[in-house]
Amino acid sequence: MNLRCDMQYKLGKPLYSFTLYEKVKRITIPLFNSDYQILMISLDIDGKNEYFILERILTLLKKVNL
């Protein structure tokens, strides 16, 4: 996530990163109002609702201004 934040001046603010591993799916979301802390969410590899979950999480974070 640090590399994504370093490229922010060229590409814009990173919203999230979605990584698929052999055993798990992981979403990493930078929390910009808290000194570059990140929120990491792990999902079951067989789950099929990751984009719905991600949309809900991003909506909630936006409401609390993170």
PDB file of N, CA and C in Angstrom:
ATOM      1  N   MET A   1       0.830  -1.189   0.000  1.00  0.00           N
ATOM      2  CA  MET A   1       0.000   0.000   0.000  1.00  0.00           C
ATOM      3  C   MET A   1       0.872   1.249   0.000  1.00  0.00           C
ATOM      4  N   ASN A   2       2.067   1.155   0.565  1.00  0.00           N
ATOM      5  CA  ASN A   2       2.960   2.324   0.567  1.00  0.00           C
ATOM      6  C   ASN A   2       3.316   2.750  -0.851  1.00  0.00           C
ATOM      7  N   LEU A   3       3.574   1.786  -1.730  1.00  0.00           N
ATOM      8  CA  LEU A   3       3.891   2.117  -3.121  1.00  0.00           C
ATOM      9  C   LEU A   3       2.709   2.816  -3.782  1.00  0.00           C
ATOM     10  N   ARG A   4       1.513   2.332  -3.529  1.00  0.00           N
ATOM     11  CA  ARG A   4       0.322   2.976  -4.095  1.00  0.00           C
ATOM     12  C   ARG A   4       0.193   4.410  -3.593  1.00  0.00           C
ATOM     13  N   CYS A   5       0.478   4.623  -2.324  1.00  0.00           N
ATOM     14  CA  CYS A   5       0.399   5.980  -1.762  1.00  0.00           C
ATOM     15  C   CYS A   5       1.504   6.864  -2.332  1.00  0.00           C
ATOM     16  N   ASP A   6       2.675   6.283  -2.590  1.00  0.00           N
ATOM     17  CA  ASP A   6       3.769   7.055  -3.172  1.00  0.00           C
ATOM     18  C   ASP A   6       3.442   7.512  -4.595  1.00  0.00           C
ATOM     19  N   MET A   7       2.648   6.743  -5.316  1.00  0.00           N
ATOM     20  CA  MET A   7       2.286   7.082  -6.693  1.00  0.00           C
ATOM     21  C   MET A   7       1.050   7.978  -6.768  1.00  0.00           C
ATOM     22  N   GLN A   8       0.548   8.384  -5.632  1.00  0.00           N
ATOM     23  CA  GLN A   8      -0.680   9.168  -5.557  1.00  0.00           C
ATOM     24  C   GLN A   8      -0.603  10.452  -6.375  1.00  0.00           C
ATOM     25  N   TYR A   9       0.541  11.102  -6.391  1.00  0.00           N
ATOM     26  CA  TYR A   9       0.668  12.365  -7.116  1.00  0.00           C
ATOM     27  C   TYR A   9       0.481  12.184  -8.619  1.00  0.00           C
ATOM     28  N   LYS A  10       0.733  10.984  -9.142  1.00  0.00           N
ATOM     29  CA  LYS A  10       0.558  10.731 -10.569  1.00  0.00           C
ATOM     30  C   LYS A  10      -0.793  10.091 -10.898  1.00  0.00           C
ATOM     31  N   LEU A  11      -1.223   9.175 -10.047  1.00  0.00           N
ATOM     32  CA  LEU A  11      -2.385   8.352 -10.364  1.00  0.00           C
ATOM     33  C   LEU A  11      -3.656   8.740  -9.629  1.00  0.00           C
ATOM     34  N   GLY A  12      -3.534   9.563  -8.611  1.00  0.00           N
ATOM     35  CA  GLY A  12      -4.684   9.885  -7.770  1.00  0.00           C
ATOM     36  C   GLY A  12      -4.660   9.029  -6.514  1.00  0.00           C
ATOM     37  N   LYS A  13      -5.570   9.322  -5.610  1.00  0.00           N
ATOM     38  CA  LYS A  13      -5.624   8.632  -4.318  1.00  0.00           C
ATOM     39  C   LYS A  13      -6.075   7.180  -4.507  1.00  0.00           C
ATOM     40  N   PRO A  14      -5.339   6.213  -3.942  1.00  0.00           N
ATOM     41  CA  PRO A  14      -5.773   4.819  -4.040  1.00  0.00           C
ATOM     42  C   PRO A  14      -7.016   4.606  -3.185  1.00  0.00           C
ATOM     43  N   LEU A  15      -7.999   3.900  -3.719  1.00  0.00           N
ATOM     44  CA  LEU A  15      -9.242   3.660  -2.994  1.00  0.00           C
ATOM     45  C   LEU A  15      -9.212   2.330  -2.250  1.00  0.00           C
ATOM     46  N   TYR A  16      -8.671   1.301  -2.897  1.00  0.00           N
ATOM     47  CA  TYR A  16      -8.521  -0.006  -2.261  1.00  0.00           C
ATOM     48  C   TYR A  16      -7.641  -0.881  -3.130  1.00  0.00           C
ATOM     49  N   SER A  17      -7.192  -1.969  -2.559  1.00  0.00           N
ATOM     50  CA  SER A  17      -6.437  -2.985  -3.287  1.00  0.00           C
ATOM     51  C   SER A  17      -7.098  -4.326  -3.011  1.00  0.00           C
ATOM     52  N   PHE A  18      -7.344  -5.094  -4.052  1.00  0.00           N
ATOM     53  CA  PHE A  18      -7.952  -6.411  -3.919  1.00  0.00           C
ATOM     54  C   PHE A  18      -6.925  -7.437  -4.393  1.00  0.00           C
ATOM     55  N   THR A  19      -6.550  -8.365  -3.510  1.00  0.00           N
ATOM     56  CA  THR A  19      -5.538  -9.366  -3.851  1.00  0.00           C
ATOM     57  C   THR A  19      -6.116 -10.755  -3.651  1.00  0.00           C
ATOM     58  N   LEU A  20      -5.924 -11.594  -4.647  1.00  0.00           N
ATOM     59  CA  LEU A  20      -6.394 -12.974  -4.580  1.00  0.00           C
ATOM     60  C   LEU A  20      -5.188 -13.871  -4.314  1.00  0.00           C
ATOM     61  N   TYR A  21      -5.215 -14.566  -3.183  1.00  0.00           N
ATOM     62  CA  TYR A  21      -4.183 -15.530  -2.829  1.00  0.00           C
ATOM     63  C   TYR A  21      -4.743 -16.935  -3.055  1.00  0.00           C
ATOM     64  N   GLU A  22      -3.927 -17.946  -2.894  1.00  0.00           N
ATOM     65  CA  GLU A  22      -4.387 -19.318  -3.084  1.00  0.00           C
ATOM     66  C   GLU A  22      -5.457 -19.709  -2.073  1.00  0.00           C
ATOM     67  N   LYS A  23      -5.362 -19.174  -0.850  1.00  0.00           N
ATOM     68  CA  LYS A  23      -6.263 -19.608   0.219  1.00  0.00           C
ATOM     69  C   LYS A  23      -7.215 -18.536   0.732  1.00  0.00           C
ATOM     70  N   VAL A  24      -7.052 -17.315   0.302  1.00  0.00           N
ATOM     71  CA  VAL A  24      -7.867 -16.230   0.845  1.00  0.00           C
ATOM     72  C   VAL A  24      -7.908 -15.060  -0.142  1.00  0.00           C
ATOM     73  N   LYS A  25      -8.963 -14.253  -0.044  1.00  0.00           N
ATOM     74  CA  LYS A  25      -9.049 -12.994  -0.776  1.00  0.00           C
ATOM     75  C   LYS A  25      -8.842 -11.885   0.256  1.00  0.00           C
ATOM     76  N   ARG A  26      -8.083 -10.859  -0.118  1.00  0.00           N
ATOM     77  CA  ARG A  26      -7.800  -9.795   0.841  1.00  0.00           C
ATOM     78  C   ARG A  26      -8.055  -8.434   0.206  1.00  0.00           C
ATOM     79  N   ILE A  27      -8.761  -7.585   0.945  1.00  0.00           N
ATOM     80  CA  ILE A  27      -9.007  -6.206   0.537  1.00  0.00           C
ATOM     81  C   ILE A  27      -8.235  -5.309   1.495  1.00  0.00           C
ATOM     82  N   THR A  28      -7.459  -4.386   0.945  1.00  0.00           N
ATOM     83  CA  THR A  28      -6.710  -3.428   1.750  1.00  0.00           C
ATOM     84  C   THR A  28      -7.195  -2.034   1.392  1.00  0.00           C
ATOM     85  N   ILE A  29      -7.625  -1.289   2.421  1.00  0.00           N
ATOM     86  CA  ILE A  29      -8.173   0.046   2.212  1.00  0.00           C
ATOM     87  C   ILE A  29      -7.367   1.032   3.053  1.00  0.00           C
ATOM     88  N   PRO A  30      -6.747   2.041   2.416  1.00  0.00           N
ATOM     89  CA  PRO A  30      -6.021   3.048   3.204  1.00  0.00           C
ATOM     90  C   PRO A  30      -7.006   3.968   3.926  1.00  0.00           C
ATOM     91  N   LEU A  31      -6.707   4.286   5.166  1.00  0.00           N
ATOM     92  CA  LEU A  31      -7.523   5.213   5.955  1.00  0.00           C
ATOM     93  C   LEU A  31      -6.743   6.519   6.048  1.00  0.00           C
ATOM     94  N   PHE A  32      -7.011   7.448   5.168  1.00  0.00           N
ATOM     95  CA  PHE A  32      -6.182   8.636   5.020  1.00  0.00           C
ATOM     96  C   PHE A  32      -6.289   9.617   6.172  1.00  0.00           C
ATOM     97  N   ASN A  33      -7.388   9.596   6.902  1.00  0.00           N
ATOM     98  CA  ASN A  33      -7.520  10.547   8.007  1.00  0.00           C
ATOM     99  C   ASN A  33      -6.848  10.051   9.273  1.00  0.00           C
ATOM    100  N   SER A  34      -6.142   8.934   9.202  1.00  0.00           N
ATOM    101  CA  SER A  34      -5.514   8.385  10.405  1.00  0.00           C
ATOM    102  C   SER A  34      -4.053   8.014  10.151  1.00  0.00           C
ATOM    103  N   ASP A  35      -3.318   8.918   9.530  1.00  0.00           N
ATOM    104  CA  ASP A  35      -1.867   8.758   9.338  1.00  0.00           C
ATOM    105  C   ASP A  35      -1.477   7.503   8.570  1.00  0.00           C
ATOM    106  N   TYR A  36      -2.126   7.263   7.464  1.00  0.00           N
ATOM    107  CA  TYR A  36      -1.814   6.146   6.573  1.00  0.00           C
ATOM    108  C   TYR A  36      -1.957   4.778   7.220  1.00  0.00           C
ATOM    109  N   GLN A  37      -2.881   4.660   8.127  1.00  0.00           N
ATOM    110  CA  GLN A  37      -3.221   3.328   8.630  1.00  0.00           C
ATOM    111  C   GLN A  37      -4.066   2.644   7.572  1.00  0.00           C
ATOM    112  N   ILE A  38      -4.140   1.328   7.654  1.00  0.00           N
ATOM    113  CA  ILE A  38      -4.903   0.588   6.658  1.00  0.00           C
ATOM    114  C   ILE A  38      -5.917  -0.320   7.340  1.00  0.00           C
ATOM    115  N   LEU A  39      -6.975  -0.602   6.618  1.00  0.00           N
ATOM    116  CA  LEU A  39      -7.980  -1.571   7.025  1.00  0.00           C
ATOM    117  C   LEU A  39      -7.804  -2.769   6.116  1.00  0.00           C
ATOM    118  N   MET A  40      -7.545  -3.933   6.696  1.00  0.00           N
ATOM    119  CA  MET A  40      -7.370  -5.160   5.910  1.00  0.00           C
ATOM    120  C   MET A  40      -8.531  -6.092   6.216  1.00  0.00           C
ATOM    121  N   ILE A  41      -9.156  -6.584   5.162  1.00  0.00           N
ATOM    122  CA  ILE A  41     -10.299  -7.472   5.280  1.00  0.00           C
ATOM    123  C   ILE A  41      -9.983  -8.750   4.518  1.00  0.00           C
ATOM    124  N   SER A  42     -10.116  -9.872   5.201  1.00  0.00           N
ATOM    125  CA  SER A  42      -9.893 -11.166   4.561  1.00  0.00           C
ATOM    126  C   SER A  42     -11.227 -11.830   4.300  1.00  0.00           C
ATOM    127  N   LEU A  43     -11.353 -12.411   3.119  1.00  0.00           N
ATOM    128  CA  LEU A  43     -12.578 -13.089   2.724  1.00  0.00           C
ATOM    129  C   LEU A  43     -12.274 -14.531   2.354  1.00  0.00           C
ATOM    130  N   ASP A  44     -13.243 -15.376   2.551  1.00  0.00           N
ATOM    131  CA  ASP A  44     -13.122 -16.774   2.185  1.00  0.00           C
ATOM    132  C   ASP A  44     -12.882 -16.891   0.679  1.00  0.00           C
ATOM    133  N   ILE A  45     -12.056 -17.805   0.287  1.00  0.00           N
ATOM    134  CA  ILE A  45     -11.709 -17.976  -1.121  1.00  0.00           C
ATOM    135  C   ILE A  45     -12.926 -18.345  -1.969  1.00  0.00           C
ATOM    136  N   ASP A  46     -13.902 -19.017  -1.372  1.00  0.00           N
ATOM    137  CA  ASP A  46     -15.087 -19.447  -2.115  1.00  0.00           C
ATOM    138  C   ASP A  46     -16.203 -18.418  -2.118  1.00  0.00           C
ATOM    139  N   GLY A  47     -16.025 -17.323  -1.388  1.00  0.00           N
ATOM    140  CA  GLY A  47     -17.061 -16.291  -1.320  1.00  0.00           C
ATOM    141  C   GLY A  47     -17.289 -15.637  -2.667  1.00  0.00           C
ATOM    142  N   LYS A  48     -18.523 -15.294  -2.943  1.00  0.00           N
ATOM    143  CA  LYS A  48     -18.851 -14.714  -4.238  1.00  0.00           C
ATOM    144  C   LYS A  48     -19.403 -13.297  -4.132  1.00  0.00           C
ATOM    145  N   ASN A  49     -19.445 -12.730  -2.937  1.00  0.00           N
ATOM    146  CA  ASN A  49     -20.033 -11.411  -2.750  1.00  0.00           C
ATOM    147  C   ASN A  49     -19.000 -10.347  -2.393  1.00  0.00           C
ATOM    148  N   GLU A  50     -17.758 -10.528  -2.778  1.00  0.00           N
ATOM    149  CA  GLU A  50     -16.715  -9.594  -2.348  1.00  0.00           C
ATOM    150  C   GLU A  50     -16.954  -8.170  -2.834  1.00  0.00           C
ATOM    151  N   TYR A  51     -17.501  -7.995  -4.015  1.00  0.00           N
ATOM    152  CA  TYR A  51     -17.711  -6.637  -4.506  1.00  0.00           C
ATOM    153  C   TYR A  51     -18.873  -5.961  -3.784  1.00  0.00           C
ATOM    154  N   PHE A  52     -19.894  -6.706  -3.418  1.00  0.00           N
ATOM    155  CA  PHE A  52     -20.989  -6.166  -2.613  1.00  0.00           C
ATOM    156  C   PHE A  52     -20.473  -5.762  -1.234  1.00  0.00           C
ATOM    157  N   ILE A  53     -19.673  -6.637  -0.624  1.00  0.00           N
ATOM    158  CA  ILE A  53     -19.088  -6.348   0.687  1.00  0.00           C
ATOM    159  C   ILE A  53     -18.199  -5.113   0.601  1.00  0.00           C
ATOM    160  N   LEU A  54     -17.358  -5.054  -0.413  1.00  0.00           N
ATOM    161  CA  LEU A  54     -16.462  -3.910  -0.595  1.00  0.00           C
ATOM    162  C   LEU A  54     -17.251  -2.621  -0.766  1.00  0.00           C
ATOM    163  N   GLU A  55     -18.301  -2.651  -1.563  1.00  0.00           N
ATOM    164  CA  GLU A  55     -19.122  -1.463  -1.774  1.00  0.00           C
ATOM    165  C   GLU A  55     -19.734  -0.984  -0.460  1.00  0.00           C
ATOM    166  N   ARG A  56     -20.219  -1.908   0.347  1.00  0.00           N
ATOM    167  CA  ARG A  56     -20.817  -1.547   1.639  1.00  0.00           C
ATOM    168  C   ARG A  56     -19.782  -0.938   2.576  1.00  0.00           C
ATOM    169  N   ILE A  57     -18.584  -1.529   2.618  1.00  0.00           N
ATOM    170  CA  ILE A  57     -17.518  -1.033   3.488  1.00  0.00           C
ATOM    171  C   ILE A  57     -17.076   0.359   3.060  1.00  0.00           C
ATOM    172  N   LEU A  58     -16.881   0.560   1.773  1.00  0.00           N
ATOM    173  CA  LEU A  58     -16.466   1.875   1.277  1.00  0.00           C
ATOM    174  C   LEU A  58     -17.527   2.934   1.567  1.00  0.00           C
ATOM    175  N   THR A  59     -18.798   2.560   1.449  1.00  0.00           N
ATOM    176  CA  THR A  59     -19.891   3.495   1.750  1.00  0.00           C
ATOM    177  C   THR A  59     -19.851   3.878   3.234  1.00  0.00           C
ATOM    178  N   LEU A  60     -19.656   2.895   4.109  1.00  0.00           N
ATOM    179  CA  LEU A  60     -19.587   3.186   5.546  1.00  0.00           C
ATOM    180  C   LEU A  60     -18.394   4.065   5.890  1.00  0.00           C
ATOM    181  N   LEU A  61     -17.242   3.775   5.304  1.00  0.00           N
ATOM    182  CA  LEU A  61     -16.055   4.586   5.569  1.00  0.00           C
ATOM    183  C   LEU A  61     -16.245   6.021   5.113  1.00  0.00           C
ATOM    184  N   LYS A  62     -16.910   6.194   3.990  1.00  0.00           N
ATOM    185  CA  LYS A  62     -17.175   7.538   3.469  1.00  0.00           C
ATOM    186  C   LYS A  62     -18.087   8.311   4.420  1.00  0.00           C
ATOM    187  N   LYS A  63     -19.063   7.623   5.002  1.00  0.00           N
ATOM    188  CA  LYS A  63     -19.992   8.275   5.926  1.00  0.00           C
ATOM    189  C   LYS A  63     -19.285   8.773   7.186  1.00  0.00           C
ATOM    190  N   VAL A  64     -18.284   8.033   7.652  1.00  0.00           N
ATOM    191  CA  VAL A  64     -17.551   8.452   8.861  1.00  0.00           C
ATOM    192  C   VAL A  64     -16.303   9.249   8.514  1.00  0.00           C
ATOM    193  N   ASN A  65     -16.164   9.603   7.245  1.00  0.00           N
ATOM    194  CA  ASN A  65     -15.086  10.473   6.771  1.00  0.00           C
ATOM    195  C   ASN A  65     -13.703   9.861   6.932  1.00  0.00           C
ATOM    196  N   LEU A  66     -13.575   8.580   6.637  1.00  0.00           N
ATOM    197  CA  LEU A  66     -12.258   7.944   6.631  1.00  0.00           C
ATOM    198  C   LEU A  66     -11.928   7.658   5.190  1.00  0.00           C
TER     199      LEU A  66
END
